[in-house]
Protein backbone atom coordinates (compact mmCIF):
# COMPACT_ATOMS: atom_id res chain seq x y z
CA MET A 1 3.71 -10.82 -17.32
CA ALA A 2 5.31 -7.32 -17.23
CA VAL A 3 5.04 -4.85 -14.44
CA ILE A 4 2.84 -2.08 -15.76
CA PRO A 5 1.88 1.50 -14.64
CA LEU A 6 -1.17 2.12 -12.47
CA ARG A 7 -3.14 4.17 -15.12
CA PRO A 8 -4.35 1.32 -17.34
CA LEU A 9 -5.61 -0.45 -14.25
CA LEU A 10 -7.29 2.59 -12.85
CA GLU A 11 -9.08 3.02 -16.27
CA VAL A 12 -10.79 -0.52 -15.79
CA THR A 13 -11.91 0.27 -12.16
CA ASP A 14 -13.19 3.59 -13.33
CA ARG A 15 -15.10 1.93 -16.42
CA LEU A 16 -16.29 -1.15 -14.40
CA GLY A 17 -17.14 0.64 -11.15
CA TYR A 18 -15.12 -1.44 -8.53
CA ALA A 19 -12.24 -0.73 -6.50
CA GLN A 20 -8.84 -2.36 -6.67
CA GLY A 21 -7.19 -3.14 -3.38
CA ALA A 22 -3.69 -1.87 -3.04
CA PHE A 23 -1.58 -3.96 -0.46
CA ASN A 24 1.59 -2.68 1.40
CA VAL A 25 4.78 -4.83 1.41
CA ASN A 26 7.80 -4.67 3.55
CA MET A 27 9.89 -7.72 2.48
CA VAL A 28 10.25 -10.06 -0.49
CA ALA A 29 8.06 -12.94 1.03
CA GLN A 30 5.08 -10.28 1.25
CA ALA A 31 5.73 -9.37 -2.20
CA GLN A 32 5.72 -12.98 -3.56
CA ALA A 33 2.51 -13.64 -1.48
CA VAL A 34 0.45 -10.74 -2.78
CA ILE A 35 1.30 -11.72 -6.48
CA GLU A 36 0.53 -15.46 -5.79
CA VAL A 37 -2.99 -14.92 -4.31
CA HIS A 38 -3.81 -12.43 -7.03
CA GLN A 39 -2.64 -14.93 -9.42
CA MET A 40 -4.74 -17.52 -7.98
CA PHE A 41 -8.03 -15.22 -8.41
CA ARG A 42 -6.74 -13.87 -12.00
CA ALA A 43 -7.03 -10.43 -10.28
CA PRO A 44 -4.66 -7.58 -11.12
CA ALA A 45 -2.31 -6.68 -8.39
CA ILE A 46 -1.15 -3.43 -6.99
CA LEU A 47 1.83 -3.93 -4.62
CA GLN A 48 2.82 -0.76 -2.46
CA GLY A 49 5.92 0.21 -1.00
CA ALA A 50 5.64 3.08 1.41
CA ASP A 51 8.27 5.72 1.48
CA LEU A 52 9.81 4.26 4.69
CA ALA A 53 9.31 0.71 3.49
CA ASN A 54 11.97 1.55 1.02
CA GLY A 55 14.22 2.69 3.92
CA PHE A 56 13.58 -0.61 5.67
CA MET A 57 14.13 -2.82 2.64
CA GLY A 58 17.33 -0.81 2.18
CA GLY A 59 18.79 -2.32 5.42
CA LYS A 60 17.62 0.36 7.90
CA SER A 61 15.92 -1.54 10.74
CA ASP A 62 15.37 1.65 12.36
CA PHE A 63 13.38 2.70 9.34
CA LEU A 64 11.77 5.97 10.88
CA ASN A 65 15.17 7.58 10.38
CA ALA A 66 15.98 6.13 6.83
CA THR A 67 17.96 8.17 4.72
CA LEU A 68 17.58 8.83 1.08
CA GLU A 69 20.42 6.36 0.21
CA ASP A 70 18.53 3.85 2.30
CA LYS A 71 15.36 4.37 0.26
CA LYS A 72 17.36 4.11 -3.08
CA LYS A 73 18.72 0.70 -1.96
CA GLY A 74 15.32 -0.54 -0.80
CA ALA A 75 13.38 0.55 -3.80
CA ARG A 76 15.67 -1.47 -6.04
CA ASN A 77 15.39 -4.34 -3.61
CA ILE A 78 11.56 -4.24 -3.71
CA ALA A 79 11.57 -3.89 -7.45
CA LYS A 80 13.80 -6.66 -8.02
CA ALA A 81 11.41 -9.03 -5.93
CA VAL A 82 8.25 -7.81 -7.69
CA TYR A 83 9.92 -7.99 -11.04
CA GLU A 84 11.21 -11.49 -10.44
CA ALA A 85 7.85 -12.82 -9.18
CA ALA A 86 6.11 -11.15 -12.15
CA GLU A 87 7.96 -13.30 -14.60
CA HIS A 88 6.06 -16.24 -13.51
CA ALA A 89 2.62 -14.56 -13.29
CA SER A 90 0.06 -14.02 -15.88
CA ILE A 91 -1.89 -11.03 -14.32
CA PRO A 92 -0.93 -7.39 -14.60
CA ILE A 93 1.18 -6.03 -11.65
CA VAL A 94 1.67 -2.47 -10.46
CA LEU A 95 4.35 -1.37 -8.19
CA HIS A 96 3.37 1.76 -6.40
CA LEU A 97 5.08 4.13 -3.84
CA ASP A 98 2.73 5.02 -1.08
CA HIS A 99 3.17 8.43 0.89
CA GLY A 100 6.35 9.72 -1.05
CA LYS A 101 7.66 12.46 1.22
CA ASP A 102 9.29 14.68 -1.27
CA PHE A 103 10.46 14.78 -4.73
CA GLU A 104 13.89 13.07 -4.06
CA SER A 105 12.06 10.10 -2.38
CA VAL A 106 9.57 9.87 -5.49
CA LYS A 107 12.64 10.10 -7.83
CA ALA A 108 14.38 7.34 -5.67
CA ALA A 109 11.48 4.99 -6.22
CA ILE A 110 11.06 5.66 -10.03
CA ASP A 111 14.77 5.04 -10.58
CA GLY A 112 14.39 1.91 -8.57
CA GLY A 113 11.75 0.47 -10.83
CA TYR A 114 8.51 1.65 -9.47
CA THR A 115 5.96 2.15 -12.22
CA SER A 116 3.52 4.47 -10.05
CA VAL A 117 4.06 7.01 -7.20
CA MET A 118 2.36 8.80 -4.72
CA ILE A 119 3.47 12.44 -3.57
CA ASP A 120 1.95 13.45 -0.37
CA GLY A 121 1.99 17.12 0.03
CA SER A 122 -1.37 17.11 1.99
CA SER A 123 0.42 18.79 4.86
CA LEU A 124 1.32 21.82 2.70
CA PRO A 125 -0.82 24.84 2.07
CA PHE A 126 -3.05 24.10 -1.00
CA LYS A 127 -0.75 26.32 -3.65
CA GLU A 128 2.48 24.65 -2.37
CA ASN A 129 0.86 21.10 -2.62
CA ILE A 130 -0.40 21.79 -6.13
CA GLU A 131 3.34 23.03 -7.01
CA LEU A 132 5.00 19.99 -5.56
CA THR A 133 2.47 17.64 -7.22
CA ARG A 134 2.82 19.28 -10.54
CA GLU A 135 6.51 19.00 -10.40
CA VAL A 136 6.42 15.39 -9.69
CA VAL A 137 3.56 14.73 -12.28
CA LYS A 138 5.90 16.32 -15.07
CA PHE A 139 8.80 14.16 -13.99
CA ALA A 140 7.03 11.00 -13.76
CA HIS A 141 4.65 11.29 -17.03
CA GLU A 142 7.60 11.79 -19.01
CA ARG A 143 8.74 8.52 -17.96
CA GLY A 144 5.21 6.79 -18.26
CA VAL A 145 4.73 6.54 -14.45
CA THR A 146 1.35 7.09 -12.88
CA VAL A 147 1.00 9.84 -10.28
CA GLU A 148 -1.52 9.82 -7.30
CA GLY A 149 -1.60 13.01 -5.08
CA GLU A 150 -3.46 13.78 -1.72
CA LEU A 151 -5.58 16.42 -0.70
CA GLY A 152 -6.90 16.66 2.83
CA VAL A 153 -5.45 15.31 6.04
CA LEU A 154 -6.16 11.65 7.58
CA ALA A 155 -6.04 11.52 11.36
CA GLY A 156 -3.82 8.72 12.67
CA THR A 157 -0.32 7.24 12.49
CA GLU A 158 1.35 5.25 9.71
CA ASP A 159 5.20 5.29 9.45
CA HIS A 160 6.11 8.98 9.37
CA ILE A 161 2.54 10.15 8.48
CA HIS A 162 0.77 11.45 11.72
CA SER A 163 -2.19 13.77 12.58
CA ALA A 164 -4.31 14.03 15.51
CA HIS A 165 -7.10 15.57 13.35
CA SER A 166 -8.65 15.11 9.99
CA THR A 167 -9.19 17.55 7.38
CA TYR A 168 -12.01 16.65 4.80
CA THR A 169 -11.35 17.12 1.24
CA ASN A 170 -13.31 20.09 -0.30
CA PRO A 171 -14.60 18.86 -3.46
CA LEU A 172 -14.27 21.95 -5.28
CA ASP A 173 -10.68 22.13 -4.30
CA ALA A 174 -10.25 18.64 -5.59
CA ILE A 175 -11.30 19.62 -9.24
CA THR A 176 -8.99 22.50 -9.25
CA PHE A 177 -6.28 20.08 -7.91
CA PHE A 178 -6.78 17.67 -10.62
CA LYS A 179 -6.98 20.49 -13.44
CA GLU A 180 -3.69 22.21 -12.39
CA THR A 181 -1.62 19.09 -11.34
CA LYS A 182 -2.82 16.43 -14.05
CA VAL A 183 -2.62 13.76 -11.48
CA ASP A 184 -4.35 10.42 -12.36
CA ALA A 185 -5.51 9.64 -9.02
CA LEU A 186 -6.21 11.46 -5.90
CA ALA A 187 -6.20 10.34 -2.19
CA ILE A 188 -9.00 11.98 -0.35
CA SER A 189 -9.99 12.54 3.41
CA TYR A 190 -13.60 11.50 3.94
CA GLY A 191 -13.68 9.66 7.27
CA THR A 192 -10.98 6.95 6.89
CA LYS A 193 -7.97 6.83 9.38
CA HIS A 194 -4.38 5.63 9.41
CA GLY A 195 -3.47 3.06 11.97
CA ALA A 196 -5.21 0.13 13.85
CA ASN A 197 -7.72 2.50 15.85
CA LYS A 198 -10.05 4.24 13.56
CA GLY A 199 -12.79 4.67 16.03
CA ALA A 200 -15.36 2.14 17.37
CA ASN A 201 -18.01 3.62 15.01
CA ALA A 202 -16.04 4.83 11.86
CA LEU A 203 -18.24 6.33 9.23
CA VAL A 204 -16.82 7.51 5.92
CA ARG A 205 -18.59 10.48 4.36
CA LYS A 206 -19.33 8.94 1.00
CA GLU A 207 -20.96 12.16 -0.18
CA ILE A 208 -17.46 13.82 -0.46
CA ALA A 209 -16.50 10.91 -2.89
CA ILE A 210 -19.69 11.27 -4.77
CA ALA A 211 -19.37 15.19 -5.33
CA ILE A 212 -16.00 14.92 -6.37
CA LYS A 213 -16.51 12.16 -8.99
CA GLU A 214 -19.57 13.85 -10.21
CA CYS A 215 -17.56 17.15 -10.74
CA LEU A 216 -14.96 15.30 -12.56
CA ARG A 217 -17.37 13.74 -14.85
CA HIS A 218 -19.26 17.16 -15.68
CA ALA A 219 -15.64 18.68 -16.28
CA GLY A 220 -14.50 15.80 -18.75
CA ILE A 221 -11.61 15.09 -16.48
CA PHE A 222 -10.25 11.51 -15.88
CA GLY A 223 -9.61 11.09 -12.20
CA VAL A 224 -9.78 8.17 -9.84
CA LEU A 225 -10.15 8.69 -6.03
CA VAL A 226 -8.28 6.77 -3.61
CA SER A 227 -9.10 5.54 -0.06
CA HIS A 228 -6.29 5.48 2.31
CA GLY A 229 -6.35 4.42 6.04
CA SER A 230 -8.85 1.78 4.98
CA SER A 231 -7.93 -1.45 6.86
CA VAL A 232 -10.86 -3.31 8.21
CA VAL A 233 -8.81 -4.51 11.48
CA PRO A 234 -10.58 -7.94 11.64
CA THR A 235 -11.47 -8.48 15.44
CA TYR A 236 -10.67 -11.89 15.25
CA LEU A 237 -6.94 -11.23 14.40
CA VAL A 238 -6.68 -8.76 17.38
CA GLU A 239 -8.19 -11.38 19.63
CA GLU A 240 -5.79 -13.95 18.39
CA ILE A 241 -2.76 -11.99 18.89
CA ASN A 242 -3.95 -11.02 22.29
CA ALA A 243 -4.67 -14.66 23.18
CA LEU A 244 -0.99 -15.59 21.83
CA GLY A 245 0.46 -12.90 24.32
CA GLY A 246 0.12 -9.71 22.39
CA GLU A 247 -1.41 -6.55 24.12
CA ILE A 248 -3.23 -4.65 21.28
CA LYS A 249 -5.88 -2.39 22.65
CA ASN A 250 -8.53 -0.05 21.16
CA ALA A 251 -8.21 -1.61 17.53
CA HIS A 252 -10.88 -0.70 15.23
CA GLY A 253 -11.16 -0.65 11.49
CA ILE A 254 -13.45 0.77 8.69
CA PRO A 255 -16.57 -1.51 8.32
CA LEU A 256 -16.05 -3.64 4.99
CA ALA A 257 -19.60 -2.70 3.97
CA GLN A 258 -18.87 0.81 3.95
CA LEU A 259 -15.90 0.25 1.70
CA LYS A 260 -17.72 -2.07 -0.87
CA GLU A 261 -20.32 0.69 -0.92
CA VAL A 262 -17.89 3.58 -1.82
CA ALA A 263 -16.34 1.25 -4.41
CA THR A 264 -19.32 1.82 -6.60
CA LEU A 265 -19.26 5.73 -5.86
CA GLY A 266 -16.06 6.84 -7.24
CA ILE A 267 -13.47 5.28 -5.03
CA GLY A 268 -11.42 3.07 -7.35
CA LYS A 269 -8.15 2.25 -5.20
CA ILE A 270 -8.47 0.92 -1.50
CA ASN A 271 -5.22 0.90 0.46
CA VAL A 272 -4.53 -1.89 3.02
CA ASP A 273 -1.53 -2.26 5.26
CA THR A 274 -2.62 -2.72 9.00
CA ASP A 275 -4.72 -5.76 8.29
CA ILE A 276 -1.54 -7.31 6.61
CA ARG A 277 0.45 -6.52 9.77
CA LEU A 278 -1.90 -8.03 12.08
CA ALA A 279 -2.13 -11.47 10.24
CA VAL A 280 1.53 -11.69 9.96
CA THR A 281 2.12 -10.75 13.73
CA ARG A 282 -0.56 -13.40 14.57
CA ASN A 283 1.16 -16.22 12.55
CA LEU A 284 4.58 -15.27 13.80
CA ARG A 285 3.41 -15.47 17.48
CA GLU A 286 1.61 -18.79 16.60
CA LEU A 287 4.66 -20.21 15.12
CA PHE A 288 7.13 -19.32 18.03
CA LEU A 289 4.47 -20.71 20.60
CA THR A 290 3.87 -24.06 18.49
CA LYS A 291 7.48 -24.64 17.61
CA THR A 292 9.04 -23.58 20.85
CA GLU A 293 12.54 -24.70 20.03
CA LEU A 294 12.64 -21.53 17.77
CA GLN A 295 12.72 -19.18 20.87
CA SER A 296 16.01 -20.52 21.67
CA ASP A 297 17.43 -20.86 18.05
CA GLY A 298 20.57 -18.95 17.63
CA LEU A 299 19.15 -16.40 15.12
CA LEU A 300 15.35 -16.44 15.52
CA GLY A 301 15.42 -16.31 19.12
CA ASN A 302 16.22 -12.68 18.80
CA MET A 303 13.04 -12.49 17.07
CA TRP A 304 11.12 -14.14 20.04
CA HIS A 305 12.87 -11.59 22.23
CA LEU A 306 11.58 -8.62 20.31
CA MET A 307 8.14 -9.90 20.36
CA GLN A 308 8.21 -10.31 23.92
CA GLN A 309 9.75 -6.78 24.28
CA ASN A 310 7.02 -5.19 22.18
CA LYS A 311 3.71 -6.96 22.98
CA SER A 312 1.51 -4.04 21.73
CA ALA A 313 3.49 -3.92 18.53
CA PHE A 314 1.87 -5.41 15.43
CA ASP A 315 4.38 -4.10 12.69
CA PRO A 316 6.29 -7.16 11.81
CA ARG A 317 9.35 -4.92 10.94
CA MET A 318 9.80 -4.48 14.78
CA PHE A 319 10.53 -8.15 14.76
CA LEU A 320 12.52 -8.73 11.59
CA SER A 321 15.84 -7.23 12.20
CA PRO A 322 17.49 -10.60 13.05
CA ILE A 323 16.71 -11.86 9.85
CA MET A 324 17.23 -8.67 7.44
CA ASP A 325 18.83 -10.62 4.66
CA THR A 326 15.71 -12.56 4.19
CA ALA A 327 13.52 -9.57 4.50
CA MET A 328 15.63 -7.69 1.98
CA PHE A 329 16.63 -10.27 -0.58
CA GLY A 330 14.39 -13.49 0.28
CA THR A 331 17.42 -15.31 1.36
CA ILE A 332 16.44 -18.68 3.37
CA GLY A 333 19.32 -20.04 5.18
CA SER A 334 17.81 -22.79 7.37
CA GLU A 335 14.46 -24.60 7.73
CA ALA A 336 13.64 -22.45 10.70
CA VAL A 337 13.74 -19.39 8.63
CA ARG A 338 11.70 -21.05 5.95
CA MET A 339 9.08 -21.77 8.60
CA VAL A 340 9.12 -17.89 9.41
CA VAL A 341 8.76 -17.18 5.69
CA ASP A 342 5.89 -19.51 5.19
CA ALA A 343 4.20 -17.94 8.24
CA VAL A 344 4.49 -14.58 6.80
CA LYS A 345 3.37 -15.45 3.47
CA ALA A 346 0.41 -17.40 4.70
CA GLY A 347 -0.78 -14.31 6.91
CA VAL A 348 -0.45 -12.11 3.91
CA LYS A 349 -2.59 -14.46 1.58
CA GLU A 350 -5.26 -14.77 4.39
CA VAL A 351 -6.15 -11.02 4.33
CA VAL A 352 -5.49 -10.29 0.89
CA GLY A 353 -7.32 -13.12 -0.54
CA VAL A 354 -10.55 -12.24 1.49
CA LEU A 355 -10.31 -8.41 0.12
CA ILE A 356 -9.67 -9.61 -3.52
CA VAL A 357 -13.01 -11.42 -3.29
CA GLU A 358 -14.92 -8.73 -1.25
CA PHE A 359 -13.81 -5.85 -3.31
CA GLY A 360 -14.82 -7.44 -6.71
CA CYS A 361 -11.32 -7.78 -8.12
CA VAL A 362 -11.77 -11.42 -9.08
CA GLY A 363 -11.24 -12.20 -12.79
CA LYS A 364 -10.50 -8.37 -13.77
CA ALA A 365 -7.03 -9.20 -14.83
CA PRO A 366 -7.96 -9.86 -18.57
CA HIS A 367 -9.67 -6.41 -18.63
CA VAL A 368 -6.37 -4.46 -18.29
CA ARG A 369 -4.41 -3.60 -21.33
CA GLN A 370 -0.71 -4.29 -21.13
CA ALA A 371 0.53 -0.68 -21.41
CA GLY A 372 4.04 -0.36 -20.53
CA LEU A 373 5.96 2.62 -19.55
CA ASP A 374 7.03 3.82 -22.89
CA TYR A 375 3.37 3.41 -24.30
CA MET A 376 2.06 5.69 -21.36
CA ALA A 377 5.01 8.20 -21.79
CA ASP A 378 3.76 8.57 -25.39
CA PHE A 379 0.30 8.70 -24.39
CA TYR A 380 0.89 11.59 -21.65
CA ARG A 381 2.93 13.50 -24.32
CA GLU A 382 0.14 13.30 -26.77
CA GLN A 383 -2.33 14.51 -24.08
CA GLY A 384 -0.12 17.27 -22.94
CA ILE A 385 -0.21 15.90 -19.23
């Protein structure tokens, strides 16, 4: 089935009152796994490549210092993996840019094949955020591409996104933002947090989502709210990683019950990244300790060395540089590498499969209309947005 823009899927979450999980991927095997598990549950799928994930997939193992050229290459590599996997699927699939840093990064993603983009101007003054987001909307909507903006600042760290404190989204500002930018979706700050430590007693302020959604309805504006920093951070994964030699401390997520509740109150898209990283890291540690011969493998031994050097790390990209061709292109040159790929895919499916069920996405695929980029470009043109 074709890869589609995000807007048709958002219309379904808005109409049926549920939240679609959106899952970050950083290698070909992860993209394949996300699509395969959604296919199993007949659920539509949102795959996300963060701005710096594009840099990593462009061959920059030091992805925090990725250049625009790295991101262009990576966007094409992620898109190629998603589009090839989509050929064998019967569900609608969206490829979304997470935390686009600037206009050029967004353009690189769209040129590379992304069907939906986020522009994160949340660190800018309100007026400048509106101006940047509107510029992206004009460019993207002309091409049928969906746009997500962000208003308010989440605390925590994820790739190049960092803030020590949260600034909650003002509902009245959110309505102005929707009106002036014409975005399809808006990431809000309402108590979630980037990273693996969201606080031992994290509490989302659901009244913020309720207020924004009610104001949108009264104003007759279509807009779906997005929850970033929403990983559950399952305790069992952290405990298992540490039992396998890891040293992860102070890891706390957003309670699943809270996420399920806000899904009925206006949140239509829930971003998940950390949980996938944890499950994959657990599986890799388990693999190397079960198949000890891999620790001295000419290629994979370097992965094990990196894992031992970085015991507190749970981002698999910290360990994958020895097999960058596998990450970027899906290349499997040996049975040992295949074992690594299988471990990665199993970890992704474990986390994503649970959340597909918990978020209520099972069986929703047939509800999503197959509206491609050309159709949506005509739609936006007719609507003047």
